[in-house]
Each structure stands twice: as C-alpha cells, then as structure tokens.
Amino acid sequence: MARIDESELILTQGGQVYHLNLRPEELGSTVITVGDQDRVKEVSKYFDKIEFTTQHREFVTHTGYVGKKRISVVSSGIGPDNIDIVMNELDACVNIDFNTREIKSEHQTLSIFRFGTSGSLQSEIPVGSLVASTHGIGLDNLLHYYQWENTIEEKGINDAFMQHANVSDGNIKPYTFQGAEILLNHFSKNYHQGITVTCPGFYAPQGRIVRAELKFPELVNKLSAFNLQQHRITNFEMETSAIYGLGKVLGHQCLSINTIVANRIQKTFSTNIAKDVENMIQRNLEIIENI
C-alpha cells in the first residue's frame, strides 16, 4: 500500500493526529460528537470512568466507559469545515497505521453519534423535542470535494428537494445522504424522525434577517413544506449532512440526534437550553449504552 506523506496526514512528534491530538489507542469505537467544547464534560460526567482527556484548540476529547461500553466524546466546533477535520482524523486513528503511514488491511467501523442543537421546521415539533435524523441534506459544498455515489433513494430525495427548494442557481448544489438505519432504529420512542438540512452558516443560510437582505427569502417556508412520500424535513443545523456524507465515504455508521432549541415556524426559542441539552444527553446515553 502507498505510504501517506507527512504533509497529507499530519502527526505530532508524540504520535497524535494533529488537530484532535489523539493516538489510536485513546479513541473508543463509539464516538459522540458535540459542537460546543464545554459540552464534552456535560456528557462525560455521566461516564462511570474517565480514562483519558485531551484538548487542542476547540477540539476536546474525553474517553471513558458507560457500563462496559468504551466511548469517546469529541467537540467538533461549528460547521462542515470542522466536521471535515474531525471525521477524517477519527477515521485515521482506526484505519491508518501511524508507524508505517499506510492504510490498514482490515477496515474498522466506528459508531458516531452527533449530540446537537437545532431549529425545528415543523410547527408540531416544539422546543425541547428530540429529533433523530433519517437523512442529511447539505446546502454546503464539503462533499463535492469527495468521490461518492448515492443510493437510488438518496438520489430521489435529492432530485425532489432540488426541484422543490429552487436554490440550485449554480452556486448551491444540494447533496443527500442517509444516516445509519441500524442506529436510527434504537431512537424511535419519544424521538421525532425526519430529514435534517445542514446549512453553511447561521444567519442568511438559515433564513435569518438581521441587516443583510436574503437571496432566498422563502427558504424556511420551502424547507418546511417539502414532502416526498414518508420523507419530510424536520429541522436544520450546521453539521449533520457532512457527518453522514463522510461517514459513507469513510465507512462508518453515523446518527445525528438534536434537541430543538428554536421553532422557526412558531417563532419560539428555548427558555432553558442547558436543561434541554441535559435531557438529550441522558436519554441518548441510556440508549447508546445498550446498543
């Protein structure tokens, strides 16, 4: 196998992958990603044992155990660009030999869960609800730098979305990936399920007007109204489609779970985000421990 050059996969003198500051043995096979670095300790406080912690820039990692399951919780920061770093470096930890810089002959699959916050696009999914994403539709451009093939279902959803949303003006080219059904099946009771749209920004890309005028002023209404057979868009945020896309490219099982902190149709916002996030963490960990 071809050796990966030092400039292409950057490792520290201590043998850690550069941005995450992780050695392969310090990563659990179940990974939780959170955007906020301060949220890492809010997850790991429920671990029965914490065996390792590290931080480099906004990337904080705690590895430990919930029961017999070894889990790493990693902060990604915000947006698809950071997800590109996190997903590639998590994969490198398990599928590249850091000594020889060669791809391992046997592929290891990680189970990767996103614990996020999100805005609802359906009036009946109120603030405080939990949403597990069946698919991610990306309005960013990250996955267009990678080679991949959609399933027939993914392509059908993407084609229907492009026709419905009318954002494909040459600058935006949506892409669609499915989450891991094997993980999603565990998150049905008391969880809403639906498509999550991933935006490359928080303001205009999510239809917010502050001072700058919007190019797509009907975006929120268009997303809310999308319906294809059993598929509808439940929420939007800034990471899911990138996680699902790179999960498919790199061969990992990924599921995004968000707590709703804003309802863009009802124009409401959470009065206690910390409580909503805490509820999500507790409920998700109870399920993950038994998967």
C-alpha atoms as a PDB file:
ATOM      1  CA  MET A   1       0.000   0.000   0.000  1.00  0.00           C
ATOM      2  CA  ALA A   2       1.129   3.548  -0.711  1.00  0.00           C
ATOM      3  CA  ARG A   3       2.655   5.474   2.156  1.00  0.00           C
ATOM      4  CA  ILE A   4       0.762   8.645   3.168  1.00  0.00           C
ATOM      5  CA  ASP A   5       3.147  11.596   3.170  1.00  0.00           C
ATOM      6  CA  GLU A   6       3.816  13.774   6.206  1.00  0.00           C
ATOM      7  CA  SER A   7       2.140  16.795   4.575  1.00  0.00           C
ATOM      8  CA  GLU A   8      -1.073  14.867   3.878  1.00  0.00           C
ATOM      9  CA  LEU A   9      -1.677  13.311   7.304  1.00  0.00           C
ATOM     10  CA  ILE A  10      -0.040  15.454   9.963  1.00  0.00           C
ATOM     11  CA  LEU A  11       1.100  13.622  13.084  1.00  0.00           C
ATOM     12  CA  THR A  12       2.738  15.214  16.107  1.00  0.00           C
ATOM     13  CA  GLN A  13       6.104  14.146  17.496  1.00  0.00           C
ATOM     14  CA  GLY A  14       4.151  12.349  20.202  1.00  0.00           C
ATOM     15  CA  GLY A  15       2.323  10.238  17.628  1.00  0.00           C
ATOM     16  CA  GLN A  16      -1.029  12.043  17.796  1.00  0.00           C
ATOM     17  CA  VAL A  17      -3.157  13.003  14.828  1.00  0.00           C
ATOM     18  CA  TYR A  18      -2.663  16.748  14.611  1.00  0.00           C
ATOM     19  CA  HIS A  19      -5.949  18.589  15.246  1.00  0.00           C
ATOM     20  CA  LEU A  20      -7.618  16.133  17.618  1.00  0.00           C
ATOM     21  CA  ASN A  21      -4.354  15.428  19.458  1.00  0.00           C
ATOM     22  CA  LEU A  22      -5.271  11.727  19.664  1.00  0.00           C
ATOM     23  CA  ARG A  23      -3.380   8.458  19.463  1.00  0.00           C
ATOM     24  CA  PRO A  24      -5.296   5.469  18.098  1.00  0.00           C
ATOM     25  CA  GLU A  25      -5.398   3.700  21.457  1.00  0.00           C
ATOM     26  CA  GLU A  26      -7.041   6.746  23.071  1.00  0.00           C
ATOM     27  CA  LEU A  27     -10.188   6.535  20.937  1.00  0.00           C
ATOM     28  CA  GLY A  28     -13.241   4.420  21.712  1.00  0.00           C
ATOM     29  CA  SER A  29     -15.088   2.562  18.951  1.00  0.00           C
ATOM     30  CA  THR A  30     -18.232   4.506  19.885  1.00  0.00           C
ATOM     31  CA  VAL A  31     -17.822   8.254  19.376  1.00  0.00           C
ATOM     32  CA  ILE A  32     -20.083  11.129  20.350  1.00  0.00           C
ATOM     33  CA  THR A  33     -19.506  14.487  18.658  1.00  0.00           C
ATOM     34  CA  VAL A  34     -20.714  17.764  20.157  1.00  0.00           C
ATOM     35  CA  GLY A  35     -20.248  21.222  18.701  1.00  0.00           C
ATOM     36  CA  ASP A  36     -19.523  23.067  21.940  1.00  0.00           C
ATOM     37  CA  GLN A  37     -16.244  22.175  23.649  1.00  0.00           C
ATOM     38  CA  ASP A  38     -17.827  22.878  27.046  1.00  0.00           C
ATOM     39  CA  ARG A  39     -20.470  20.239  26.294  1.00  0.00           C
ATOM     40  CA  VAL A  40     -17.853  17.462  26.357  1.00  0.00           C
ATOM     41  CA  LYS A  41     -17.706  17.477  30.161  1.00  0.00           C
ATOM     42  CA  GLU A  42     -21.514  17.621  30.277  1.00  0.00           C
ATOM     43  CA  VAL A  43     -21.516  14.252  28.502  1.00  0.00           C
ATOM     44  CA  SER A  44     -18.543  12.654  30.243  1.00  0.00           C
ATOM     45  CA  LYS A  45     -19.880  13.476  33.721  1.00  0.00           C
ATOM     46  CA  TYR A  46     -22.218  10.533  33.141  1.00  0.00           C
ATOM     47  CA  PHE A  47     -19.334   8.164  32.393  1.00  0.00           C
ATOM     48  CA  ASP A  48     -18.690   5.534  35.037  1.00  0.00           C
ATOM     49  CA  LYS A  49     -14.987   6.044  34.417  1.00  0.00           C
ATOM     50  CA  ILE A  50     -12.945   8.644  32.516  1.00  0.00           C
ATOM     51  CA  GLU A  51      -9.587   7.252  31.434  1.00  0.00           C
ATOM     52  CA  PHE A  52      -8.258   9.959  29.108  1.00  0.00           C
ATOM     53  CA  THR A  53      -8.721  13.657  28.305  1.00  0.00           C
ATOM     54  CA  THR A  54      -7.038  15.983  25.835  1.00  0.00           C
ATOM     55  CA  GLN A  55      -7.559  19.366  24.176  1.00  0.00           C
ATOM     56  CA  HIS A  56      -6.065  21.119  21.141  1.00  0.00           C
ATOM     57  CA  ARG A  57      -7.713  24.348  20.006  1.00  0.00           C
ATOM     58  CA  GLU A  58     -11.506  23.786  20.027  1.00  0.00           C
ATOM     59  CA  PHE A  59     -11.112  20.011  19.879  1.00  0.00           C
ATOM     60  CA  VAL A  60     -11.666  18.457  23.308  1.00  0.00           C
ATOM     61  CA  THR A  61     -11.821  14.684  23.819  1.00  0.00           C
ATOM     62  CA  HIS A  62     -12.807  12.619  26.861  1.00  0.00           C
ATOM     63  CA  THR A  63     -12.631   8.814  26.619  1.00  0.00           C
ATOM     64  CA  GLY A  64     -14.148   6.530  29.211  1.00  0.00           C
ATOM     65  CA  TYR A  65     -16.807   3.958  29.968  1.00  0.00           C
ATOM     66  CA  VAL A  66     -20.573   3.890  30.346  1.00  0.00           C
ATOM     67  CA  GLY A  67     -21.096   0.453  31.787  1.00  0.00           C
ATOM     68  CA  LYS A  68     -18.942  -1.827  29.637  1.00  0.00           C
ATOM     69  CA  LYS A  69     -19.075   0.402  26.551  1.00  0.00           C
ATOM     70  CA  ARG A  70     -15.965   2.457  25.800  1.00  0.00           C
ATOM     71  CA  ILE A  71     -16.962   5.854  24.455  1.00  0.00           C
ATOM     72  CA  SER A  72     -15.106   8.949  23.297  1.00  0.00           C
ATOM     73  CA  VAL A  73     -16.864  12.306  23.268  1.00  0.00           C
ATOM     74  CA  VAL A  74     -15.234  14.844  20.944  1.00  0.00           C
ATOM     75  CA  SER A  75     -16.024  18.514  20.370  1.00  0.00           C
ATOM     76  CA  SER A  76     -16.091  19.441  16.699  1.00  0.00           C
ATOM     77  CA  GLY A  77     -16.711  23.156  16.764  1.00  0.00           C
ATOM     78  CA  ILE A  78     -19.316  24.585  14.395  1.00  0.00           C
ATOM     79  CA  GLY A  79     -19.828  23.862  10.718  1.00  0.00           C
ATOM     80  CA  PRO A  80     -18.998  21.414   7.911  1.00  0.00           C
ATOM     81  CA  ASP A  81     -15.380  22.583   7.644  1.00  0.00           C
ATOM     82  CA  ASN A  82     -14.677  21.414  11.195  1.00  0.00           C
ATOM     83  CA  ILE A  83     -16.552  18.165  10.534  1.00  0.00           C
ATOM     84  CA  ASP A  84     -14.139  17.534   7.656  1.00  0.00           C
ATOM     85  CA  ILE A  85     -11.244  17.623  10.125  1.00  0.00           C
ATOM     86  CA  VAL A  86     -12.956  15.580  12.839  1.00  0.00           C
ATOM     87  CA  MET A  87     -14.271  12.781  10.608  1.00  0.00           C
ATOM     88  CA  ASN A  88     -11.015  12.327   8.707  1.00  0.00           C
ATOM     89  CA  GLU A  89      -8.902  12.301  11.864  1.00  0.00           C
ATOM     90  CA  LEU A  90     -11.230   9.914  13.706  1.00  0.00           C
ATOM     91  CA  ASP A  91     -11.017   7.597  10.716  1.00  0.00           C
ATOM     92  CA  ALA A  92      -7.230   7.924  10.575  1.00  0.00           C
ATOM     93  CA  CYS A  93      -6.979   6.796  14.198  1.00  0.00           C
ATOM     94  CA  VAL A  94      -8.599   3.446  13.416  1.00  0.00           C
ATOM     95  CA  ASN A  95      -7.800   2.804   9.762  1.00  0.00           C
ATOM     96  CA  ILE A  96      -4.252   4.090   9.261  1.00  0.00           C
ATOM     97  CA  ASP A  97      -1.112   2.621  10.812  1.00  0.00           C
ATOM     98  CA  PHE A  98       0.620   5.666  12.305  1.00  0.00           C
ATOM     99  CA  ASN A  99       4.004   3.904  12.283  1.00  0.00           C
ATOM    100  CA  THR A 100       4.057   2.894   8.610  1.00  0.00           C
ATOM    101  CA  ARG A 101       1.650   5.627   7.404  1.00  0.00           C
ATOM    102  CA  GLU A 102      -0.207   3.014   5.400  1.00  0.00           C
ATOM    103  CA  ILE A 103      -3.914   2.152   5.281  1.00  0.00           C
ATOM    104  CA  LYS A 104      -4.634  -0.910   7.384  1.00  0.00           C
ATOM    105  CA  SER A 105      -5.682  -4.051   5.521  1.00  0.00           C
ATOM    106  CA  GLU A 106      -8.717  -4.534   7.791  1.00  0.00           C
ATOM    107  CA  HIS A 107     -11.211  -1.697   7.982  1.00  0.00           C
ATOM    108  CA  GLN A 108     -12.627  -0.690  11.383  1.00  0.00           C
ATOM    109  CA  THR A 109     -16.082   0.865  11.533  1.00  0.00           C
ATOM    110  CA  LEU A 110     -16.846   3.477  14.170  1.00  0.00           C
ATOM    111  CA  SER A 111     -20.316   4.212  15.538  1.00  0.00           C
ATOM    112  CA  ILE A 112     -20.530   8.012  15.520  1.00  0.00           C
ATOM    113  CA  PHE A 113     -23.366   9.917  17.198  1.00  0.00           C
ATOM    114  CA  ARG A 114     -23.867  13.666  16.960  1.00  0.00           C
ATOM    115  CA  PHE A 115     -25.481  15.283  20.019  1.00  0.00           C
ATOM    116  CA  GLY A 116     -26.531  18.691  18.720  1.00  0.00           C
ATOM    117  CA  THR A 117     -28.894  21.632  18.985  1.00  0.00           C
ATOM    118  CA  SER A 118     -31.161  22.544  16.118  1.00  0.00           C
ATOM    119  CA  GLY A 119     -34.072  24.582  14.815  1.00  0.00           C
ATOM    120  CA  SER A 120     -37.406  22.888  14.097  1.00  0.00           C
ATOM    121  CA  LEU A 121     -39.055  23.426  10.720  1.00  0.00           C
ATOM    122  CA  GLN A 122     -42.392  21.882  11.694  1.00  0.00           C
ATOM    123  CA  SER A 123     -44.872  23.607  13.994  1.00  0.00           C
ATOM    124  CA  GLU A 124     -45.740  20.312  15.744  1.00  0.00           C
ATOM    125  CA  ILE A 125     -42.097  19.681  16.747  1.00  0.00           C
ATOM    126  CA  PRO A 126     -41.797  22.156  19.628  1.00  0.00           C
ATOM    127  CA  VAL A 127     -38.819  23.468  21.540  1.00  0.00           C
ATOM    128  CA  GLY A 128     -37.441  20.735  23.800  1.00  0.00           C
ATOM    129  CA  SER A 129     -38.215  17.903  21.373  1.00  0.00           C
ATOM    130  CA  LEU A 130     -35.617  15.374  20.253  1.00  0.00           C
ATOM    131  CA  VAL A 131     -35.059  14.647  16.552  1.00  0.00           C
ATOM    132  CA  ALA A 132     -33.120  11.705  15.098  1.00  0.00           C
ATOM    133  CA  SER A 133     -32.101  12.362  11.501  1.00  0.00           C
ATOM    134  CA  THR A 134     -33.050   9.814   8.859  1.00  0.00           C
ATOM    135  CA  HIS A 135     -31.118  11.745   6.208  1.00  0.00           C
ATOM    136  CA  GLY A 136     -28.985  14.842   5.889  1.00  0.00           C
ATOM    137  CA  ILE A 137     -29.376  17.281   3.007  1.00  0.00           C
ATOM    138  CA  GLY A 138     -26.342  19.519   2.626  1.00  0.00           C
ATOM    139  CA  LEU A 139     -26.567  23.110   1.388  1.00  0.00           C
ATOM    140  CA  ASP A 140     -22.821  23.439   1.971  1.00  0.00           C
ATOM    141  CA  ASN A 141     -20.160  22.322  -0.516  1.00  0.00           C
ATOM    142  CA  LEU A 142     -17.997  19.948   1.554  1.00  0.00           C
ATOM    143  CA  LEU A 143     -18.965  16.632  -0.004  1.00  0.00           C
ATOM    144  CA  HIS A 144     -18.425  17.950  -3.531  1.00  0.00           C
ATOM    145  CA  TYR A 145     -14.694  17.632  -2.873  1.00  0.00           C
ATOM    146  CA  TYR A 146     -15.034  13.845  -2.392  1.00  0.00           C
ATOM    147  CA  GLN A 147     -15.985  10.976  -4.676  1.00  0.00           C
ATOM    148  CA  TRP A 148     -19.168   9.118  -3.761  1.00  0.00           C
ATOM    149  CA  GLU A 149     -22.263   7.517  -5.194  1.00  0.00           C
ATOM    150  CA  ASN A 150     -25.797   7.948  -3.912  1.00  0.00           C
ATOM    151  CA  THR A 151     -28.274   5.141  -3.427  1.00  0.00           C
ATOM    152  CA  ILE A 152     -31.418   5.297  -5.570  1.00  0.00           C
ATOM    153  CA  GLU A 153     -33.391   6.576  -2.567  1.00  0.00           C
ATOM    154  CA  GLU A 154     -30.822   9.281  -1.733  1.00  0.00           C
ATOM    155  CA  LYS A 155     -30.779  10.457  -5.342  1.00  0.00           C
ATOM    156  CA  GLY A 156     -34.585  10.512  -5.474  1.00  0.00           C
ATOM    157  CA  ILE A 157     -34.792  12.643  -2.328  1.00  0.00           C
ATOM    158  CA  ASN A 158     -32.084  14.980  -3.579  1.00  0.00           C
ATOM    159  CA  ASP A 159     -33.677  15.440  -7.011  1.00  0.00           C
ATOM    160  CA  ALA A 160     -37.077  16.132  -5.449  1.00  0.00           C
ATOM    161  CA  PHE A 161     -35.549  18.585  -2.985  1.00  0.00           C
ATOM    162  CA  MET A 162     -33.671  20.476  -5.687  1.00  0.00           C
ATOM    163  CA  GLN A 163     -36.846  20.859  -7.724  1.00  0.00           C
ATOM    164  CA  HIS A 164     -38.886  21.916  -4.679  1.00  0.00           C
ATOM    165  CA  ALA A 165     -36.473  24.263  -2.910  1.00  0.00           C
ATOM    166  CA  ASN A 166     -35.279  26.132  -6.003  1.00  0.00           C
ATOM    167  CA  VAL A 167     -31.905  27.035  -4.502  1.00  0.00           C
ATOM    168  CA  SER A 168     -29.788  25.426  -7.228  1.00  0.00           C
ATOM    169  CA  ASP A 169     -28.810  28.581  -9.048  1.00  0.00           C
ATOM    170  CA  GLY A 170     -25.274  27.491  -9.899  1.00  0.00           C
ATOM    171  CA  ASN A 171     -23.874  28.494  -6.507  1.00  0.00           C
ATOM    172  CA  ILE A 172     -25.667  25.931  -4.318  1.00  0.00           C
ATOM    173  CA  LYS A 173     -25.747  22.255  -5.222  1.00  0.00           C
ATOM    174  CA  PRO A 174     -27.524  20.213  -2.530  1.00  0.00           C
ATOM    175  CA  TYR A 175     -26.434  16.672  -1.674  1.00  0.00           C
ATOM    176  CA  THR A 176     -28.210  13.975   0.346  1.00  0.00           C
ATOM    177  CA  PHE A 177     -27.028  11.061   2.493  1.00  0.00           C
ATOM    178  CA  GLN A 178     -28.862   8.611   4.709  1.00  0.00           C
ATOM    179  CA  GLY A 179     -27.953   8.012   8.332  1.00  0.00           C
ATOM    180  CA  ALA A 180     -27.264   4.554   9.747  1.00  0.00           C
ATOM    181  CA  GLU A 181     -30.589   2.705   9.924  1.00  0.00           C
ATOM    182  CA  ILE A 182     -29.096   0.166  12.321  1.00  0.00           C
ATOM    183  CA  LEU A 183     -28.572   3.005  14.827  1.00  0.00           C
ATOM    184  CA  LEU A 184     -31.693   5.004  13.968  1.00  0.00           C
ATOM    185  CA  ASN A 185     -33.938   2.052  14.842  1.00  0.00           C
ATOM    186  CA  HIS A 186     -32.970   2.456  18.502  1.00  0.00           C
ATOM    187  CA  PHE A 187     -34.191   6.086  18.561  1.00  0.00           C
ATOM    188  CA  SER A 188     -37.905   5.869  17.798  1.00  0.00           C
ATOM    189  CA  LYS A 189     -39.859   6.057  21.045  1.00  0.00           C
ATOM    190  CA  ASN A 190     -40.186   9.705  22.127  1.00  0.00           C
ATOM    191  CA  TYR A 191     -37.981  10.836  19.219  1.00  0.00           C
ATOM    192  CA  HIS A 192     -39.168  12.577  16.077  1.00  0.00           C
ATOM    193  CA  GLN A 193     -37.536  11.286  12.901  1.00  0.00           C
ATOM    194  CA  GLY A 194     -37.026  13.130   9.643  1.00  0.00           C
ATOM    195  CA  ILE A 195     -34.614  14.828   7.266  1.00  0.00           C
ATOM    196  CA  THR A 196     -32.161  17.356   8.653  1.00  0.00           C
ATOM    197  CA  VAL A 197     -30.888  20.127   6.388  1.00  0.00           C
ATOM    198  CA  THR A 198     -27.333  21.301   7.012  1.00  0.00           C
ATOM    199  CA  CYS A 199     -26.537  24.950   6.297  1.00  0.00           C
ATOM    200  CA  PRO A 200     -23.072  26.549   5.894  1.00  0.00           C
ATOM    201  CA  GLY A 201     -23.950  29.441   8.195  1.00  0.00           C
ATOM    202  CA  PHE A 202     -26.317  30.614  10.937  1.00  0.00           C
ATOM    203  CA  TYR A 203     -27.861  33.801   9.571  1.00  0.00           C
ATOM    204  CA  ALA A 204     -28.748  34.141   5.860  1.00  0.00           C
ATOM    205  CA  PRO A 205     -28.089  30.429   5.165  1.00  0.00           C
ATOM    206  CA  GLN A 206     -30.807  29.663   7.740  1.00  0.00           C
ATOM    207  CA  GLY A 207     -33.145  32.393   6.506  1.00  0.00           C
ATOM    208  CA  ARG A 208     -32.439  34.898   9.299  1.00  0.00           C
ATOM    209  CA  ILE A 209     -32.661  38.603   8.517  1.00  0.00           C
ATOM    210  CA  VAL A 210     -30.679  40.969  10.714  1.00  0.00           C
ATOM    211  CA  ARG A 211     -29.410  43.738   8.391  1.00  0.00           C
ATOM    212  CA  ALA A 212     -28.336  41.985   5.189  1.00  0.00           C
ATOM    213  CA  GLU A 213     -31.014  41.123   2.639  1.00  0.00           C
ATOM    214  CA  LEU A 214     -31.638  37.463   1.796  1.00  0.00           C
ATOM    215  CA  LYS A 215     -31.145  35.900  -1.612  1.00  0.00           C
ATOM    216  CA  PHE A 216     -33.589  33.093  -0.696  1.00  0.00           C
ATOM    217  CA  PRO A 217     -36.236  34.796   1.485  1.00  0.00           C
ATOM    218  CA  GLU A 218     -38.619  31.834   1.202  1.00  0.00           C
ATOM    219  CA  LEU A 219     -36.046  29.246   2.313  1.00  0.00           C
ATOM    220  CA  VAL A 220     -37.608  28.405   5.691  1.00  0.00           C
ATOM    221  CA  ASN A 221     -41.081  28.030   4.194  1.00  0.00           C
ATOM    222  CA  LYS A 222     -39.723  25.926   1.325  1.00  0.00           C
ATOM    223  CA  LEU A 223     -37.913  23.571   3.687  1.00  0.00           C
ATOM    224  CA  SER A 224     -40.930  23.263   5.959  1.00  0.00           C
ATOM    225  CA  ALA A 225     -43.215  22.412   3.046  1.00  0.00           C
ATOM    226  CA  PHE A 226     -41.052  19.683   1.492  1.00  0.00           C
ATOM    227  CA  ASN A 227     -42.810  16.321   1.454  1.00  0.00           C
ATOM    228  CA  LEU A 228     -41.874  13.216  -0.513  1.00  0.00           C
ATOM    229  CA  GLN A 229     -43.880  10.123   0.388  1.00  0.00           C
ATOM    230  CA  GLN A 230     -42.890   9.479   4.035  1.00  0.00           C
ATOM    231  CA  HIS A 231     -39.995  11.958   3.923  1.00  0.00           C
ATOM    232  CA  ARG A 232     -40.202  15.490   5.308  1.00  0.00           C
ATOM    233  CA  ILE A 233     -37.698  17.985   6.631  1.00  0.00           C
ATOM    234  CA  THR A 234     -37.916  18.240  10.411  1.00  0.00           C
ATOM    235  CA  ASN A 235     -35.059  20.572  11.295  1.00  0.00           C
ATOM    236  CA  PHE A 236     -31.875  22.317  10.207  1.00  0.00           C
ATOM    237  CA  GLU A 237     -28.447  22.983  11.704  1.00  0.00           C
ATOM    238  CA  MET A 238     -24.791  23.020  10.563  1.00  0.00           C
ATOM    239  CA  GLU A 239     -23.213  19.536  10.781  1.00  0.00           C
ATOM    240  CA  THR A 240     -25.409  16.511  10.001  1.00  0.00           C
ATOM    241  CA  SER A 241     -25.067  16.151   6.215  1.00  0.00           C
ATOM    242  CA  ALA A 242     -21.275  16.436   6.454  1.00  0.00           C
ATOM    243  CA  ILE A 243     -21.173  13.700   9.102  1.00  0.00           C
ATOM    244  CA  TYR A 244     -23.468  11.432   7.096  1.00  0.00           C
ATOM    245  CA  GLY A 245     -21.606  12.070   3.840  1.00  0.00           C
ATOM    246  CA  LEU A 246     -18.128  11.479   5.228  1.00  0.00           C
ATOM    247  CA  GLY A 247     -19.452   8.544   7.228  1.00  0.00           C
ATOM    248  CA  LYS A 248     -20.447   6.924   3.949  1.00  0.00           C
ATOM    249  CA  VAL A 249     -17.206   7.871   2.179  1.00  0.00           C
ATOM    250  CA  LEU A 250     -15.063   6.529   5.039  1.00  0.00           C
ATOM    251  CA  GLY A 251     -17.238   3.558   6.011  1.00  0.00           C
ATOM    252  CA  HIS A 252     -18.650   4.481   9.434  1.00  0.00           C
ATOM    253  CA  GLN A 253     -22.118   4.215  10.998  1.00  0.00           C
ATOM    254  CA  CYS A 254     -23.431   7.681  11.843  1.00  0.00           C
ATOM    255  CA  LEU A 255     -26.521   9.068  13.523  1.00  0.00           C
ATOM    256  CA  SER A 256     -27.356  12.676  14.321  1.00  0.00           C
ATOM    257  CA  ILE A 257     -29.645  13.465  17.264  1.00  0.00           C
ATOM    258  CA  ASN A 258     -30.630  17.043  18.035  1.00  0.00           C
ATOM    259  CA  THR A 259     -32.572  18.760  20.743  1.00  0.00           C
ATOM    260  CA  ILE A 260     -34.789  21.507  19.369  1.00  0.00           C
ATOM    261  CA  VAL A 261     -33.921  24.899  20.838  1.00  0.00           C
ATOM    262  CA  ALA A 262     -35.835  27.035  18.321  1.00  0.00           C
ATOM    263  CA  ASN A 263     -39.026  26.550  16.336  1.00  0.00           C
ATOM    264  CA  ARG A 264     -38.729  28.648  13.211  1.00  0.00           C
ATOM    265  CA  ILE A 265     -42.387  28.237  12.307  1.00  0.00           C
ATOM    266  CA  GLN A 266     -43.798  29.126  15.738  1.00  0.00           C
ATOM    267  CA  LYS A 267     -41.035  31.757  16.216  1.00  0.00           C
ATOM    268  CA  THR A 268     -40.182  30.377  19.665  1.00  0.00           C
ATOM    269  CA  PHE A 269     -36.854  29.818  21.404  1.00  0.00           C
ATOM    270  CA  SER A 270     -35.872  27.686  24.390  1.00  0.00           C
ATOM    271  CA  THR A 271     -36.049  29.335  27.786  1.00  0.00           C
ATOM    272  CA  ASN A 272     -33.599  26.779  29.215  1.00  0.00           C
ATOM    273  CA  ILE A 273     -31.156  25.375  26.666  1.00  0.00           C
ATOM    274  CA  ALA A 274     -28.996  23.775  29.363  1.00  0.00           C
ATOM    275  CA  LYS A 275     -31.958  21.729  30.597  1.00  0.00           C
ATOM    276  CA  ASP A 276     -32.913  20.680  27.055  1.00  0.00           C
ATOM    277  CA  VAL A 277     -29.361  19.585  26.290  1.00  0.00           C
ATOM    278  CA  GLU A 278     -29.091  17.734  29.613  1.00  0.00           C
ATOM    279  CA  ASN A 279     -32.268  15.808  28.832  1.00  0.00           C
ATOM    280  CA  MET A 280     -30.921  14.848  25.403  1.00  0.00           C
ATOM    281  CA  ILE A 281     -27.594  13.657  26.806  1.00  0.00           C
ATOM    282  CA  GLN A 282     -29.176  11.491  29.498  1.00  0.00           C
ATOM    283  CA  ARG A 283     -31.728   9.889  27.196  1.00  0.00           C
ATOM    284  CA  ASN A 284     -29.244   9.271  24.393  1.00  0.00           C
ATOM    285  CA  LEU A 285     -26.638   7.710  26.666  1.00  0.00           C
ATOM    286  CA  GLU A 286     -29.175   5.316  28.151  1.00  0.00           C
ATOM    287  CA  ILE A 287     -29.871   4.019  24.658  1.00  0.00           C
ATOM    288  CA  ILE A 288     -26.284   4.003  23.404  1.00  0.00           C
ATOM    289  CA  GLU A 289     -25.084   2.003  26.399  1.00  0.00           C
ATOM    290  CA  ASN A 290     -27.302  -0.879  25.292  1.00  0.00           C
ATOM    291  CA  ILE A 291     -26.618  -0.819  21.544  1.00  0.00           C
END
